[in-house]
PDB file of N, CA and C in Angstrom:
ATOM      1  N   UNK A   1       7.363   2.732 -27.389  1.00  0.00           N
ATOM      2  CA  UNK A   1       6.222   3.638 -27.542  1.00  0.00           C
ATOM      3  C   UNK A   1       5.034   2.915 -28.150  1.00  0.00           C
ATOM      4  N   UNK A   2       5.306   2.005 -29.079  1.00  0.00           N
ATOM      5  CA  UNK A   2       4.222   1.263 -29.732  1.00  0.00           C
ATOM      6  C   UNK A   2       3.472   0.389 -28.730  1.00  0.00           C
ATOM      7  N   UNK A   3       4.213  -0.242 -27.825  1.00  0.00           N
ATOM      8  CA  UNK A   3       3.600  -1.117 -26.826  1.00  0.00           C
ATOM      9  C   UNK A   3       2.668  -0.328 -25.912  1.00  0.00           C
ATOM     10  N   UNK A   4       3.056   0.886 -25.555  1.00  0.00           N
ATOM     11  CA  UNK A   4       2.228   1.713 -24.669  1.00  0.00           C
ATOM     12  C   UNK A   4       0.894   2.040 -25.334  1.00  0.00           C
ATOM     13  N   UNK A   5       0.923   2.370 -26.624  1.00  0.00           N
ATOM     14  CA  UNK A   5      -0.298   2.697 -27.360  1.00  0.00           C
ATOM     15  C   UNK A   5      -1.255   1.521 -27.394  1.00  0.00           C
ATOM     16  N   UNK A   6      -0.720   0.335 -27.558  1.00  0.00           N
ATOM     17  CA  UNK A   6      -1.556  -0.871 -27.615  1.00  0.00           C
ATOM     18  C   UNK A   6      -2.227  -1.144 -26.268  1.00  0.00           C
ATOM     19  N   UNK A   7      -1.474  -1.053 -25.193  1.00  0.00           N
ATOM     20  CA  UNK A   7      -2.014  -1.352 -23.869  1.00  0.00           C
ATOM     21  C   UNK A   7      -3.043  -0.318 -23.442  1.00  0.00           C
ATOM     22  N   UNK A   8      -2.857   0.944 -23.830  1.00  0.00           N
ATOM     23  CA  UNK A   8      -3.791   2.006 -23.458  1.00  0.00           C
ATOM     24  C   UNK A   8      -5.152   1.794 -24.119  1.00  0.00           C
ATOM     25  N   UNK A   9      -5.163   1.253 -25.315  1.00  0.00           N
ATOM     26  CA  UNK A   9      -6.425   0.999 -26.024  1.00  0.00           C
ATOM     27  C   UNK A   9      -7.266  -0.022 -25.250  1.00  0.00           C
ATOM     28  N   UNK A  10      -6.618  -1.015 -24.708  1.00  0.00           N
ATOM     29  CA  UNK A  10      -7.317  -2.056 -23.946  1.00  0.00           C
ATOM     30  C   UNK A  10      -7.719  -1.558 -22.555  1.00  0.00           C
ATOM     31  N   UNK A  11      -7.012  -0.541 -22.063  1.00  0.00           N
ATOM     32  CA  UNK A  11      -7.296  -0.038 -20.725  1.00  0.00           C
ATOM     33  C   UNK A  11      -6.299  -0.588 -19.717  1.00  0.00           C
ATOM     34  N   UNK A  12      -5.443  -1.489 -20.163  1.00  0.00           N
ATOM     35  CA  UNK A  12      -4.456  -2.081 -19.261  1.00  0.00           C
ATOM     36  C   UNK A  12      -3.355  -1.092 -18.913  1.00  0.00           C
ATOM     37  N   UNK A  13      -3.003  -0.248 -19.874  1.00  0.00           N
ATOM     38  CA  UNK A  13      -1.956   0.744 -19.638  1.00  0.00           C
ATOM     39  C   UNK A  13      -2.369   1.749 -18.580  1.00  0.00           C
ATOM     40  N   UNK A  14      -3.658   2.099 -18.566  1.00  0.00           N
ATOM     41  CA  UNK A  14      -4.163   3.081 -17.604  1.00  0.00           C
ATOM     42  C   UNK A  14      -4.039   2.553 -16.187  1.00  0.00           C
ATOM     43  N   UNK A  15      -4.474   1.317 -15.966  1.00  0.00           N
ATOM     44  CA  UNK A  15      -4.396   0.722 -14.623  1.00  0.00           C
ATOM     45  C   UNK A  15      -2.942   0.548 -14.200  1.00  0.00           C
ATOM     46  N   UNK A  16      -2.079   0.293 -15.171  1.00  0.00           N
ATOM     47  CA  UNK A  16      -0.651   0.104 -14.881  1.00  0.00           C
ATOM     48  C   UNK A  16      -0.052   1.413 -14.363  1.00  0.00           C
ATOM     49  N   UNK A  17      -0.369   2.530 -15.035  1.00  0.00           N
ATOM     50  CA  UNK A  17       0.154   3.831 -14.625  1.00  0.00           C
ATOM     51  C   UNK A  17      -0.414   4.217 -13.267  1.00  0.00           C
ATOM     52  N   UNK A  18      -1.680   3.871 -13.011  1.00  0.00           N
ATOM     53  CA  UNK A  18      -2.300   4.180 -11.716  1.00  0.00           C
ATOM     54  C   UNK A  18      -1.582   3.425 -10.609  1.00  0.00           C
ATOM     55  N   UNK A  19      -1.260   2.161 -10.859  1.00  0.00           N
ATOM     56  CA  UNK A  19      -0.550   1.344  -9.857  1.00  0.00           C
ATOM     57  C   UNK A  19       0.823   1.953  -9.578  1.00  0.00           C
ATOM     58  N   UNK A  20       1.511   2.391 -10.644  1.00  0.00           N
ATOM     59  CA  UNK A  20       2.834   2.994 -10.485  1.00  0.00           C
ATOM     60  C   UNK A  20       2.728   4.290  -9.695  1.00  0.00           C
ATOM     61  N   UNK A  21       1.673   5.075  -9.962  1.00  0.00           N
ATOM     62  CA  UNK A  21       1.467   6.347  -9.267  1.00  0.00           C
ATOM     63  C   UNK A  21       1.217   6.108  -7.782  1.00  0.00           C
ATOM     64  N   UNK A  22       0.385   5.109  -7.488  1.00  0.00           N
ATOM     65  CA  UNK A  22       0.083   4.768  -6.090  1.00  0.00           C
ATOM     66  C   UNK A  22       1.346   4.307  -5.372  1.00  0.00           C
ATOM     67  N   UNK A  23       2.163   3.529  -6.056  1.00  0.00           N
ATOM     68  CA  UNK A  23       3.412   3.037  -5.475  1.00  0.00           C
ATOM     69  C   UNK A  23       4.348   4.202  -5.158  1.00  0.00           C
ATOM     70  N   UNK A  24       4.423   5.180  -6.082  1.00  0.00           N
ATOM     71  CA  UNK A  24       5.282   6.352  -5.858  1.00  0.00           C
ATOM     72  C   UNK A  24       4.787   7.147  -4.666  1.00  0.00           C
ATOM     73  N   UNK A  25       3.475   7.365  -4.597  1.00  0.00           N
ATOM     74  CA  UNK A  25       2.900   8.121  -3.476  1.00  0.00           C
ATOM     75  C   UNK A  25       3.184   7.412  -2.156  1.00  0.00           C
ATOM     76  N   UNK A  26       3.060   6.078  -2.157  1.00  0.00           N
ATOM     77  CA  UNK A  26       3.320   5.281  -0.955  1.00  0.00           C
ATOM     78  C   UNK A  26       4.773   5.436  -0.504  1.00  0.00           C
ATOM     79  N   UNK A  27       5.695   5.372  -1.459  1.00  0.00           N
ATOM     80  CA  UNK A  27       7.124   5.505  -1.148  1.00  0.00           C
ATOM     81  C   UNK A  27       7.407   6.907  -0.595  1.00  0.00           C
ATOM     82  N   UNK A  28       6.818   7.934  -1.218  1.00  0.00           N
ATOM     83  CA  UNK A  28       7.020   9.316  -0.757  1.00  0.00           C
ATOM     84  C   UNK A  28       6.486   9.467   0.663  1.00  0.00           C
ATOM     85  N   UNK A  29       5.313   8.908   0.929  1.00  0.00           N
ATOM     86  CA  UNK A  29       4.720   8.978   2.271  1.00  0.00           C
ATOM     87  C   UNK A  29       5.635   8.317   3.293  1.00  0.00           C
ATOM     88  N   UNK A  30       6.160   7.156   2.944  1.00  0.00           N
ATOM     89  CA  UNK A  30       7.069   6.429   3.841  1.00  0.00           C
ATOM     90  C   UNK A  30       8.306   7.270   4.136  1.00  0.00           C
ATOM     91  N   UNK A  31       8.858   7.915   3.099  1.00  0.00           N
ATOM     92  CA  UNK A  31      10.051   8.764   3.264  1.00  0.00           C
ATOM     93  C   UNK A  31       9.748   9.932   4.190  1.00  0.00           C
ATOM     94  N   UNK A  32       8.583  10.565   4.002  1.00  0.00           N
ATOM     95  CA  UNK A  32       8.194  11.711   4.831  1.00  0.00           C
ATOM     96  C   UNK A  32       8.056  11.280   6.291  1.00  0.00           C
ATOM     97  N   UNK A  33       7.406  10.142   6.513  1.00  0.00           N
ATOM     98  CA  UNK A  33       7.220   9.633   7.880  1.00  0.00           C
ATOM     99  C   UNK A  33       8.578   9.337   8.520  1.00  0.00           C
ATOM    100  N   UNK A  34       9.473   8.737   7.739  1.00  0.00           N
ATOM    101  CA  UNK A  34      10.812   8.411   8.247  1.00  0.00           C
ATOM    102  C   UNK A  34      11.559   9.681   8.639  1.00  0.00           C
ATOM    103  N   UNK A  35      11.486  10.708   7.782  1.00  0.00           N
ATOM    104  CA  UNK A  35      12.167  11.972   8.055  1.00  0.00           C
ATOM    105  C   UNK A  35      11.598  12.635   9.304  1.00  0.00           C
ATOM    106  N   UNK A  36      10.269  12.630   9.436  1.00  0.00           N
ATOM    107  CA  UNK A  36       9.618  13.244  10.599  1.00  0.00           C
ATOM    108  C   UNK A  36      10.036  12.530  11.885  1.00  0.00           C
ATOM    109  N   UNK A  37      10.093  11.203  11.844  1.00  0.00           N
ATOM    110  CA  UNK A  37      10.494  10.427  13.026  1.00  0.00           C
ATOM    111  C   UNK A  37      11.961  10.676  13.358  1.00  0.00           C
ATOM    112  N   UNK A  38      12.777  10.846  12.318  1.00  0.00           N
ATOM    113  CA  UNK A  38      14.207  11.062  12.480  1.00  0.00           C
ATOM    114  C   UNK A  38      14.471  12.367  13.212  1.00  0.00           C
ATOM    115  N   UNK A  39      13.666  13.406  12.898  1.00  0.00           N
ATOM    116  CA  UNK A  39      13.846  14.725  13.520  1.00  0.00           C
ATOM    117  C   UNK A  39      13.546  14.682  15.018  1.00  0.00           C
ATOM    118  N   UNK A  40      12.634  13.814  15.436  1.00  0.00           N
ATOM    119  CA  UNK A  40      12.251  13.720  16.855  1.00  0.00           C
ATOM    120  C   UNK A  40      13.282  13.065  17.720  1.00  0.00           C
TER     121      UNK A  40
END
């Protein structure tokens, strides 16, 4: 928890969480596309 507080002050923690969020969205999109193709 202490490390997160330090990185957020610099702004590095924010960009890190954004990257993780984008990665999750990308994975979810890929899964949805795979499922849609599978149904066809």
